Amino acid sequence: MNKQEFLREVAGKAGLTIKDAAAFNEAYVATVKKALKKGDKIVLVGFGTYASRKRAARTAINPRTKKPVKVAACVVPSLKFGKAFKEDIA
């Protein structure tokens, strides 16, 4: 499912126009990005939890050259789905 198909589906289920669904989607994504950038956690009961996780610096292997490469520490976004959501799609 691509973004346009997703917006059509959301608009149909929520009784919105595609334009309104697109506006909601943009606001949702911007809000999640802002919260994760600040280090906040977003808990959506029945869906999952968005969080920022810190990854330590490490040494990896370049698969092409087989030489070690240093990978810097960074912060990555994560989404852990809730138990009810996992059970609904299983």
N, C-alpha and C. Protein backbone atom coordinates (compact mmCIF):
# COMPACT_ATOMS: atom_id res chain seq x y z
N MET A 1 0.86 -1.17 0.00
CA MET A 1 0.00 0.00 0.00
C MET A 1 0.91 1.23 0.00
N ASN A 2 0.70 2.12 -0.95
CA ASN A 2 1.49 3.36 -0.97
C ASN A 2 0.74 4.47 -0.24
N LYS A 3 1.35 5.65 -0.19
CA LYS A 3 0.78 6.75 0.59
C LYS A 3 -0.60 7.15 0.08
N GLN A 4 -0.78 7.23 -1.22
CA GLN A 4 -2.06 7.65 -1.78
C GLN A 4 -3.16 6.64 -1.47
N GLU A 5 -2.84 5.37 -1.59
CA GLU A 5 -3.82 4.32 -1.24
C GLU A 5 -4.16 4.37 0.24
N PHE A 6 -3.14 4.61 1.07
CA PHE A 6 -3.35 4.73 2.50
C PHE A 6 -4.28 5.89 2.81
N LEU A 7 -4.04 7.05 2.21
CA LEU A 7 -4.88 8.22 2.46
C LEU A 7 -6.32 7.98 2.01
N ARG A 8 -6.52 7.31 0.87
CA ARG A 8 -7.87 7.00 0.41
C ARG A 8 -8.59 6.10 1.41
N GLU A 9 -7.87 5.11 1.93
CA GLU A 9 -8.45 4.17 2.90
C GLU A 9 -8.83 4.90 4.19
N VAL A 10 -7.94 5.74 4.70
CA VAL A 10 -8.21 6.49 5.93
C VAL A 10 -9.38 7.44 5.72
N ALA A 11 -9.39 8.13 4.60
CA ALA A 11 -10.47 9.08 4.30
C ALA A 11 -11.81 8.36 4.25
N GLY A 12 -11.84 7.20 3.62
CA GLY A 12 -13.08 6.44 3.52
C GLY A 12 -13.58 5.96 4.87
N LYS A 13 -12.67 5.45 5.70
CA LYS A 13 -13.08 4.93 7.02
C LYS A 13 -13.47 6.03 7.99
N ALA A 14 -12.84 7.21 7.88
CA ALA A 14 -13.10 8.29 8.83
C ALA A 14 -14.15 9.29 8.32
N GLY A 15 -14.61 9.10 7.09
CA GLY A 15 -15.58 10.02 6.52
C GLY A 15 -14.98 11.40 6.25
N LEU A 16 -13.71 11.41 5.84
CA LEU A 16 -13.00 12.65 5.54
C LEU A 16 -12.75 12.75 4.05
N THR A 17 -12.34 13.93 3.63
CA THR A 17 -11.87 14.07 2.25
C THR A 17 -10.42 13.60 2.23
N ILE A 18 -9.92 13.30 1.06
CA ILE A 18 -8.52 12.88 0.94
C ILE A 18 -7.60 14.02 1.38
N LYS A 19 -8.00 15.24 1.11
CA LYS A 19 -7.21 16.41 1.52
C LYS A 19 -7.13 16.48 3.05
N ASP A 20 -8.25 16.24 3.74
CA ASP A 20 -8.25 16.25 5.20
C ASP A 20 -7.41 15.10 5.76
N ALA A 21 -7.51 13.93 5.14
CA ALA A 21 -6.73 12.78 5.58
C ALA A 21 -5.24 13.06 5.38
N ALA A 22 -4.88 13.73 4.29
CA ALA A 22 -3.48 14.08 4.04
C ALA A 22 -2.98 15.08 5.08
N ALA A 23 -3.83 16.04 5.44
CA ALA A 23 -3.46 17.03 6.45
C ALA A 23 -3.24 16.35 7.80
N PHE A 24 -4.13 15.41 8.14
CA PHE A 24 -3.97 14.65 9.38
C PHE A 24 -2.66 13.87 9.36
N ASN A 25 -2.38 13.20 8.26
CA ASN A 25 -1.17 12.39 8.14
C ASN A 25 0.08 13.25 8.32
N GLU A 26 0.11 14.40 7.68
CA GLU A 26 1.26 15.30 7.80
C GLU A 26 1.43 15.78 9.24
N ALA A 27 0.32 16.12 9.90
CA ALA A 27 0.38 16.57 11.29
C ALA A 27 0.84 15.44 12.21
N TYR A 28 0.35 14.23 11.97
CA TYR A 28 0.71 13.06 12.77
C TYR A 28 2.22 12.80 12.67
N VAL A 29 2.73 12.76 11.45
CA VAL A 29 4.15 12.48 11.24
C VAL A 29 5.01 13.59 11.85
N ALA A 30 4.61 14.84 11.67
CA ALA A 30 5.38 15.97 12.22
C ALA A 30 5.39 15.90 13.75
N THR A 31 4.28 15.54 14.36
CA THR A 31 4.19 15.44 15.81
C THR A 31 5.07 14.32 16.34
N VAL A 32 5.06 13.18 15.68
CA VAL A 32 5.90 12.04 16.09
C VAL A 32 7.37 12.43 15.97
N LYS A 33 7.75 13.05 14.85
CA LYS A 33 9.14 13.46 14.66
C LYS A 33 9.59 14.43 15.75
N LYS A 34 8.75 15.41 16.04
CA LYS A 34 9.08 16.42 17.05
C LYS A 34 9.27 15.79 18.42
N ALA A 35 8.36 14.89 18.79
CA ALA A 35 8.44 14.24 20.10
C ALA A 35 9.68 13.36 20.20
N LEU A 36 9.98 12.59 19.16
CA LEU A 36 11.15 11.71 19.20
C LEU A 36 12.44 12.51 19.20
N LYS A 37 12.45 13.63 18.50
CA LYS A 37 13.64 14.48 18.48
C LYS A 37 13.92 15.04 19.88
N LYS A 38 12.86 15.34 20.64
CA LYS A 38 13.01 15.83 22.02
C LYS A 38 13.37 14.71 22.99
N GLY A 39 13.23 13.46 22.54
CA GLY A 39 13.50 12.32 23.42
C GLY A 39 12.28 11.81 24.15
N ASP A 40 11.10 12.32 23.79
CA ASP A 40 9.86 11.86 24.41
C ASP A 40 9.45 10.50 23.87
N LYS A 41 8.59 9.84 24.61
CA LYS A 41 8.02 8.56 24.21
C LYS A 41 6.54 8.79 23.93
N ILE A 42 6.00 8.17 22.89
CA ILE A 42 4.58 8.29 22.56
C ILE A 42 3.96 6.90 22.73
N VAL A 43 2.99 6.81 23.63
CA VAL A 43 2.31 5.54 23.89
C VAL A 43 0.89 5.64 23.37
N LEU A 44 0.56 4.82 22.39
CA LEU A 44 -0.79 4.76 21.83
C LEU A 44 -1.37 3.40 22.21
N VAL A 45 -2.21 3.39 23.25
CA VAL A 45 -2.78 2.15 23.76
C VAL A 45 -3.56 1.45 22.65
N GLY A 46 -3.32 0.17 22.49
CA GLY A 46 -3.97 -0.61 21.46
C GLY A 46 -3.20 -0.62 20.15
N PHE A 47 -2.15 0.19 20.05
CA PHE A 47 -1.34 0.24 18.82
C PHE A 47 0.11 -0.07 19.13
N GLY A 48 0.79 0.85 19.83
CA GLY A 48 2.20 0.63 20.12
C GLY A 48 2.85 1.83 20.77
N THR A 49 4.17 1.76 20.89
CA THR A 49 4.95 2.80 21.54
C THR A 49 6.08 3.25 20.62
N TYR A 50 6.11 4.56 20.35
CA TYR A 50 7.22 5.17 19.61
C TYR A 50 8.25 5.63 20.64
N ALA A 51 9.53 5.42 20.34
CA ALA A 51 10.58 5.88 21.23
C ALA A 51 11.85 6.13 20.43
N SER A 52 12.76 6.89 21.02
CA SER A 52 14.09 7.08 20.44
C SER A 52 15.04 6.18 21.21
N ARG A 53 15.90 5.50 20.50
CA ARG A 53 16.87 4.63 21.15
C ARG A 53 18.27 5.05 20.75
N LYS A 54 19.16 4.99 21.73
CA LYS A 54 20.56 5.34 21.47
C LYS A 54 21.31 4.08 21.07
N ARG A 55 22.05 4.18 19.99
CA ARG A 55 22.91 3.08 19.56
C ARG A 55 24.35 3.46 19.86
N ALA A 56 25.06 2.58 20.48
CA ALA A 56 26.46 2.84 20.81
C ALA A 56 27.33 2.74 19.55
N ALA A 57 28.48 3.36 19.62
CA ALA A 57 29.44 3.23 18.53
C ALA A 57 29.88 1.77 18.44
N ARG A 58 30.17 1.33 17.24
CA ARG A 58 30.55 -0.07 17.07
C ARG A 58 31.44 -0.23 15.85
N THR A 59 31.99 -1.39 15.69
CA THR A 59 32.79 -1.71 14.52
C THR A 59 32.01 -2.74 13.71
N ALA A 60 31.81 -2.43 12.43
CA ALA A 60 31.09 -3.33 11.53
C ALA A 60 32.05 -3.79 10.43
N ILE A 61 31.60 -4.73 9.64
CA ILE A 61 32.40 -5.24 8.53
C ILE A 61 31.76 -4.80 7.22
N ASN A 62 32.54 -4.17 6.36
CA ASN A 62 32.07 -3.81 5.03
C ASN A 62 31.95 -5.10 4.23
N PRO A 63 30.74 -5.47 3.78
CA PRO A 63 30.58 -6.76 3.09
C PRO A 63 31.32 -6.84 1.76
N ARG A 64 31.56 -5.71 1.13
CA ARG A 64 32.24 -5.72 -0.16
C ARG A 64 33.74 -5.92 0.00
N THR A 65 34.35 -5.17 0.93
CA THR A 65 35.81 -5.24 1.09
C THR A 65 36.25 -6.15 2.23
N LYS A 66 35.31 -6.54 3.08
CA LYS A 66 35.58 -7.38 4.26
C LYS A 66 36.48 -6.67 5.28
N LYS A 67 36.59 -5.36 5.19
CA LYS A 67 37.40 -4.60 6.14
C LYS A 67 36.52 -4.00 7.23
N PRO A 68 37.07 -3.85 8.43
CA PRO A 68 36.29 -3.23 9.52
C PRO A 68 36.04 -1.75 9.27
N VAL A 69 34.86 -1.31 9.67
CA VAL A 69 34.46 0.09 9.51
C VAL A 69 33.90 0.56 10.85
N LYS A 70 34.30 1.74 11.29
CA LYS A 70 33.76 2.28 12.53
C LYS A 70 32.43 2.97 12.25
N VAL A 71 31.44 2.63 13.04
CA VAL A 71 30.11 3.23 12.92
C VAL A 71 29.90 4.09 14.16
N ALA A 72 29.61 5.36 13.95
CA ALA A 72 29.45 6.30 15.05
C ALA A 72 28.17 6.01 15.85
N ALA A 73 28.16 6.47 17.08
CA ALA A 73 26.96 6.37 17.91
C ALA A 73 25.87 7.25 17.30
N CYS A 74 24.62 6.85 17.45
CA CYS A 74 23.52 7.63 16.88
C CYS A 74 22.23 7.34 17.64
N VAL A 75 21.22 8.10 17.31
CA VAL A 75 19.89 7.90 17.89
C VAL A 75 18.98 7.44 16.76
N VAL A 76 18.23 6.37 17.00
CA VAL A 76 17.34 5.83 15.97
C VAL A 76 15.91 5.75 16.51
N PRO A 77 14.93 5.98 15.63
CA PRO A 77 13.54 5.84 16.07
C PRO A 77 13.15 4.36 16.12
N SER A 78 12.21 4.05 17.01
CA SER A 78 11.72 2.68 17.07
C SER A 78 10.23 2.69 17.34
N LEU A 79 9.57 1.64 16.90
CA LEU A 79 8.15 1.44 17.15
C LEU A 79 7.97 0.02 17.63
N LYS A 80 7.48 -0.13 18.86
CA LYS A 80 7.20 -1.46 19.40
C LYS A 80 5.69 -1.61 19.44
N PHE A 81 5.19 -2.56 18.67
CA PHE A 81 3.75 -2.78 18.62
C PHE A 81 3.25 -3.40 19.91
N GLY A 82 2.04 -3.04 20.30
CA GLY A 82 1.42 -3.57 21.51
C GLY A 82 0.91 -4.98 21.31
N LYS A 83 0.68 -5.65 22.41
CA LYS A 83 0.23 -7.05 22.38
C LYS A 83 -1.10 -7.21 21.66
N ALA A 84 -2.06 -6.32 21.94
CA ALA A 84 -3.37 -6.41 21.30
C ALA A 84 -3.27 -6.23 19.79
N PHE A 85 -2.43 -5.30 19.36
CA PHE A 85 -2.26 -5.06 17.92
C PHE A 85 -1.65 -6.28 17.25
N LYS A 86 -0.64 -6.88 17.88
CA LYS A 86 0.00 -8.08 17.32
C LYS A 86 -1.00 -9.23 17.22
N GLU A 87 -1.84 -9.36 18.25
CA GLU A 87 -2.82 -10.45 18.22
C GLU A 87 -3.87 -10.24 17.14
N ASP A 88 -4.23 -8.98 16.87
CA ASP A 88 -5.24 -8.68 15.85
C ASP A 88 -4.76 -9.02 14.44
N ILE A 89 -3.44 -8.88 14.17
CA ILE A 89 -2.97 -9.13 12.81
C ILE A 89 -2.44 -10.56 12.61
N ALA A 90 -2.33 -11.31 13.69
CA ALA A 90 -1.81 -12.68 13.59
C ALA A 90 -2.86 -13.63 13.09
